[in-house]
Amino acid sequence: MKFTTCISGGFFKKRSAMSRRKQRSSFDQVSEFDRGRIVAYRDCGLSFREIGSRVGRNQTTVMRICDRWIQEGMTDRRG
């Protein structure tokens, strides 16, 4: 099974952005799993806005994670 098929086929279920935002505090860090999802969605060609709505994050956060991935080849903040 291709990785893109997993994403588009519903492997990463779309969560309601509103319910996700209500559950987390305003400064909740993005998990390593969600960082991986963000990079995978971007590789599949989704926009920053669409990715943000799928993972329940602001599009600016998504852009920052993708930029870090392109520049450093990693998604975590630990060097």
C-alpha atoms as a PDB file:
ATOM      1  CA  MET A   1       0.000   0.000   0.000  1.00  0.00           C
ATOM      2  CA  LYS A   2       1.418   3.366  -0.991  1.00  0.00           C
ATOM      3  CA  PHE A   3       1.910   5.931   1.731  1.00  0.00           C
ATOM      4  CA  THR A   4      -0.191   8.503  -0.112  1.00  0.00           C
ATOM      5  CA  THR A   5      -2.993   5.961  -0.299  1.00  0.00           C
ATOM      6  CA  CYS A   6      -2.888   5.638   3.485  1.00  0.00           C
ATOM      7  CA  ILE A   7      -3.307   9.368   3.873  1.00  0.00           C
ATOM      8  CA  SER A   8      -6.030   9.880   1.286  1.00  0.00           C
ATOM      9  CA  GLY A   9      -7.714   6.585   2.158  1.00  0.00           C
ATOM     10  CA  GLY A  10      -8.479   7.744   5.675  1.00  0.00           C
ATOM     11  CA  PHE A  11      -5.589   6.264   7.633  1.00  0.00           C
ATOM     12  CA  PHE A  12      -5.154   9.669   9.236  1.00  0.00           C
ATOM     13  CA  LYS A  13      -8.743  10.454  10.090  1.00  0.00           C
ATOM     14  CA  LYS A  14      -9.729  14.089   9.813  1.00  0.00           C
ATOM     15  CA  ARG A  15     -10.571  15.431  13.252  1.00  0.00           C
ATOM     16  CA  SER A  16     -12.826  18.314  13.931  1.00  0.00           C
ATOM     17  CA  ALA A  17     -10.639  21.388  14.332  1.00  0.00           C
ATOM     18  CA  MET A  18     -12.993  22.985  16.820  1.00  0.00           C
ATOM     19  CA  SER A  19     -13.061  20.043  19.211  1.00  0.00           C
ATOM     20  CA  ARG A  20      -9.256  19.694  18.975  1.00  0.00           C
ATOM     21  CA  ARG A  21      -8.717  23.367  19.772  1.00  0.00           C
ATOM     22  CA  LYS A  22     -10.990  23.191  22.793  1.00  0.00           C
ATOM     23  CA  GLN A  23      -9.048  20.232  24.210  1.00  0.00           C
ATOM     24  CA  ARG A  24      -5.587  21.802  24.157  1.00  0.00           C
ATOM     25  CA  SER A  25      -4.183  24.806  25.938  1.00  0.00           C
ATOM     26  CA  SER A  26      -3.130  27.851  23.948  1.00  0.00           C
ATOM     27  CA  PHE A  27       0.581  26.908  24.111  1.00  0.00           C
ATOM     28  CA  ASP A  28       0.372  23.145  23.662  1.00  0.00           C
ATOM     29  CA  GLN A  29       3.383  21.774  21.778  1.00  0.00           C
ATOM     30  CA  VAL A  30       2.911  19.844  18.564  1.00  0.00           C
ATOM     31  CA  SER A  31       3.571  16.131  19.080  1.00  0.00           C
ATOM     32  CA  GLU A  32       6.175  14.331  17.010  1.00  0.00           C
ATOM     33  CA  PHE A  33       3.367  12.268  15.462  1.00  0.00           C
ATOM     34  CA  ASP A  34       1.497  15.410  14.340  1.00  0.00           C
ATOM     35  CA  ARG A  35       4.749  16.884  12.982  1.00  0.00           C
ATOM     36  CA  GLY A  36       5.158  13.757  10.880  1.00  0.00           C
ATOM     37  CA  ARG A  37       1.572  14.027   9.675  1.00  0.00           C
ATOM     38  CA  ILE A  38       2.150  17.658   8.698  1.00  0.00           C
ATOM     39  CA  VAL A  39       5.221  16.799   6.618  1.00  0.00           C
ATOM     40  CA  ALA A  40       3.448  13.843   5.005  1.00  0.00           C
ATOM     41  CA  TYR A  41       0.401  15.942   4.102  1.00  0.00           C
ATOM     42  CA  ARG A  42       2.688  18.595   2.595  1.00  0.00           C
ATOM     43  CA  ASP A  43       4.489  15.949   0.538  1.00  0.00           C
ATOM     44  CA  CYS A  44       1.069  14.932  -0.793  1.00  0.00           C
ATOM     45  CA  GLY A  45       0.509  18.503  -1.993  1.00  0.00           C
ATOM     46  CA  LEU A  46      -2.002  19.792   0.566  1.00  0.00           C
ATOM     47  CA  SER A  47      -2.037  23.508   1.341  1.00  0.00           C
ATOM     48  CA  PHE A  48      -0.896  24.857   4.695  1.00  0.00           C
ATOM     49  CA  ARG A  49      -4.466  25.840   5.488  1.00  0.00           C
ATOM     50  CA  GLU A  50      -5.842  22.367   4.709  1.00  0.00           C
ATOM     51  CA  ILE A  51      -3.104  20.681   6.730  1.00  0.00           C
ATOM     52  CA  GLY A  52      -3.783  23.011   9.653  1.00  0.00           C
ATOM     53  CA  SER A  53      -7.465  22.161   9.637  1.00  0.00           C
ATOM     54  CA  ARG A  54      -6.720  18.420   9.527  1.00  0.00           C
ATOM     55  CA  VAL A  55      -4.314  18.458  12.466  1.00  0.00           C
ATOM     56  CA  GLY A  56      -6.043  21.226  14.414  1.00  0.00           C
ATOM     57  CA  ARG A  57      -3.226  23.772  14.177  1.00  0.00           C
ATOM     58  CA  ASN A  58      -2.770  27.256  12.790  1.00  0.00           C
ATOM     59  CA  GLN A  59      -1.411  27.427   9.244  1.00  0.00           C
ATOM     60  CA  THR A  60       1.537  29.507  10.478  1.00  0.00           C
ATOM     61  CA  THR A  61       2.552  26.643  12.774  1.00  0.00           C
ATOM     62  CA  VAL A  62       2.276  24.257   9.833  1.00  0.00           C
ATOM     63  CA  MET A  63       4.451  26.523   7.673  1.00  0.00           C
ATOM     64  CA  ARG A  64       7.090  26.752  10.410  1.00  0.00           C
ATOM     65  CA  ILE A  65       7.255  22.960  10.785  1.00  0.00           C
ATOM     66  CA  CYS A  66       7.501  22.463   7.012  1.00  0.00           C
ATOM     67  CA  ASP A  67      10.222  25.124   6.723  1.00  0.00           C
ATOM     68  CA  ARG A  68      12.224  23.434   9.473  1.00  0.00           C
ATOM     69  CA  TRP A  69      11.833  20.099   7.651  1.00  0.00           C
ATOM     70  CA  ILE A  70      13.103  21.585   4.378  1.00  0.00           C
ATOM     71  CA  GLN A  71      16.047  23.406   5.995  1.00  0.00           C
ATOM     72  CA  GLU A  72      17.175  20.851   8.549  1.00  0.00           C
ATOM     73  CA  GLY A  73      15.622  17.559   7.480  1.00  0.00           C
ATOM     74  CA  MET A  74      14.031  17.092  10.890  1.00  0.00           C
ATOM     75  CA  THR A  75      10.766  17.951  12.545  1.00  0.00           C
ATOM     76  CA  ASP A  76      11.726  17.934  16.203  1.00  0.00           C
ATOM     77  CA  ARG A  77      13.124  20.945  17.994  1.00  0.00           C
ATOM     78  CA  ARG A  78      15.974  19.000  19.521  1.00  0.00           C
ATOM     79  CA  GLY A  79      19.130  19.431  17.443  1.00  0.00           C
END
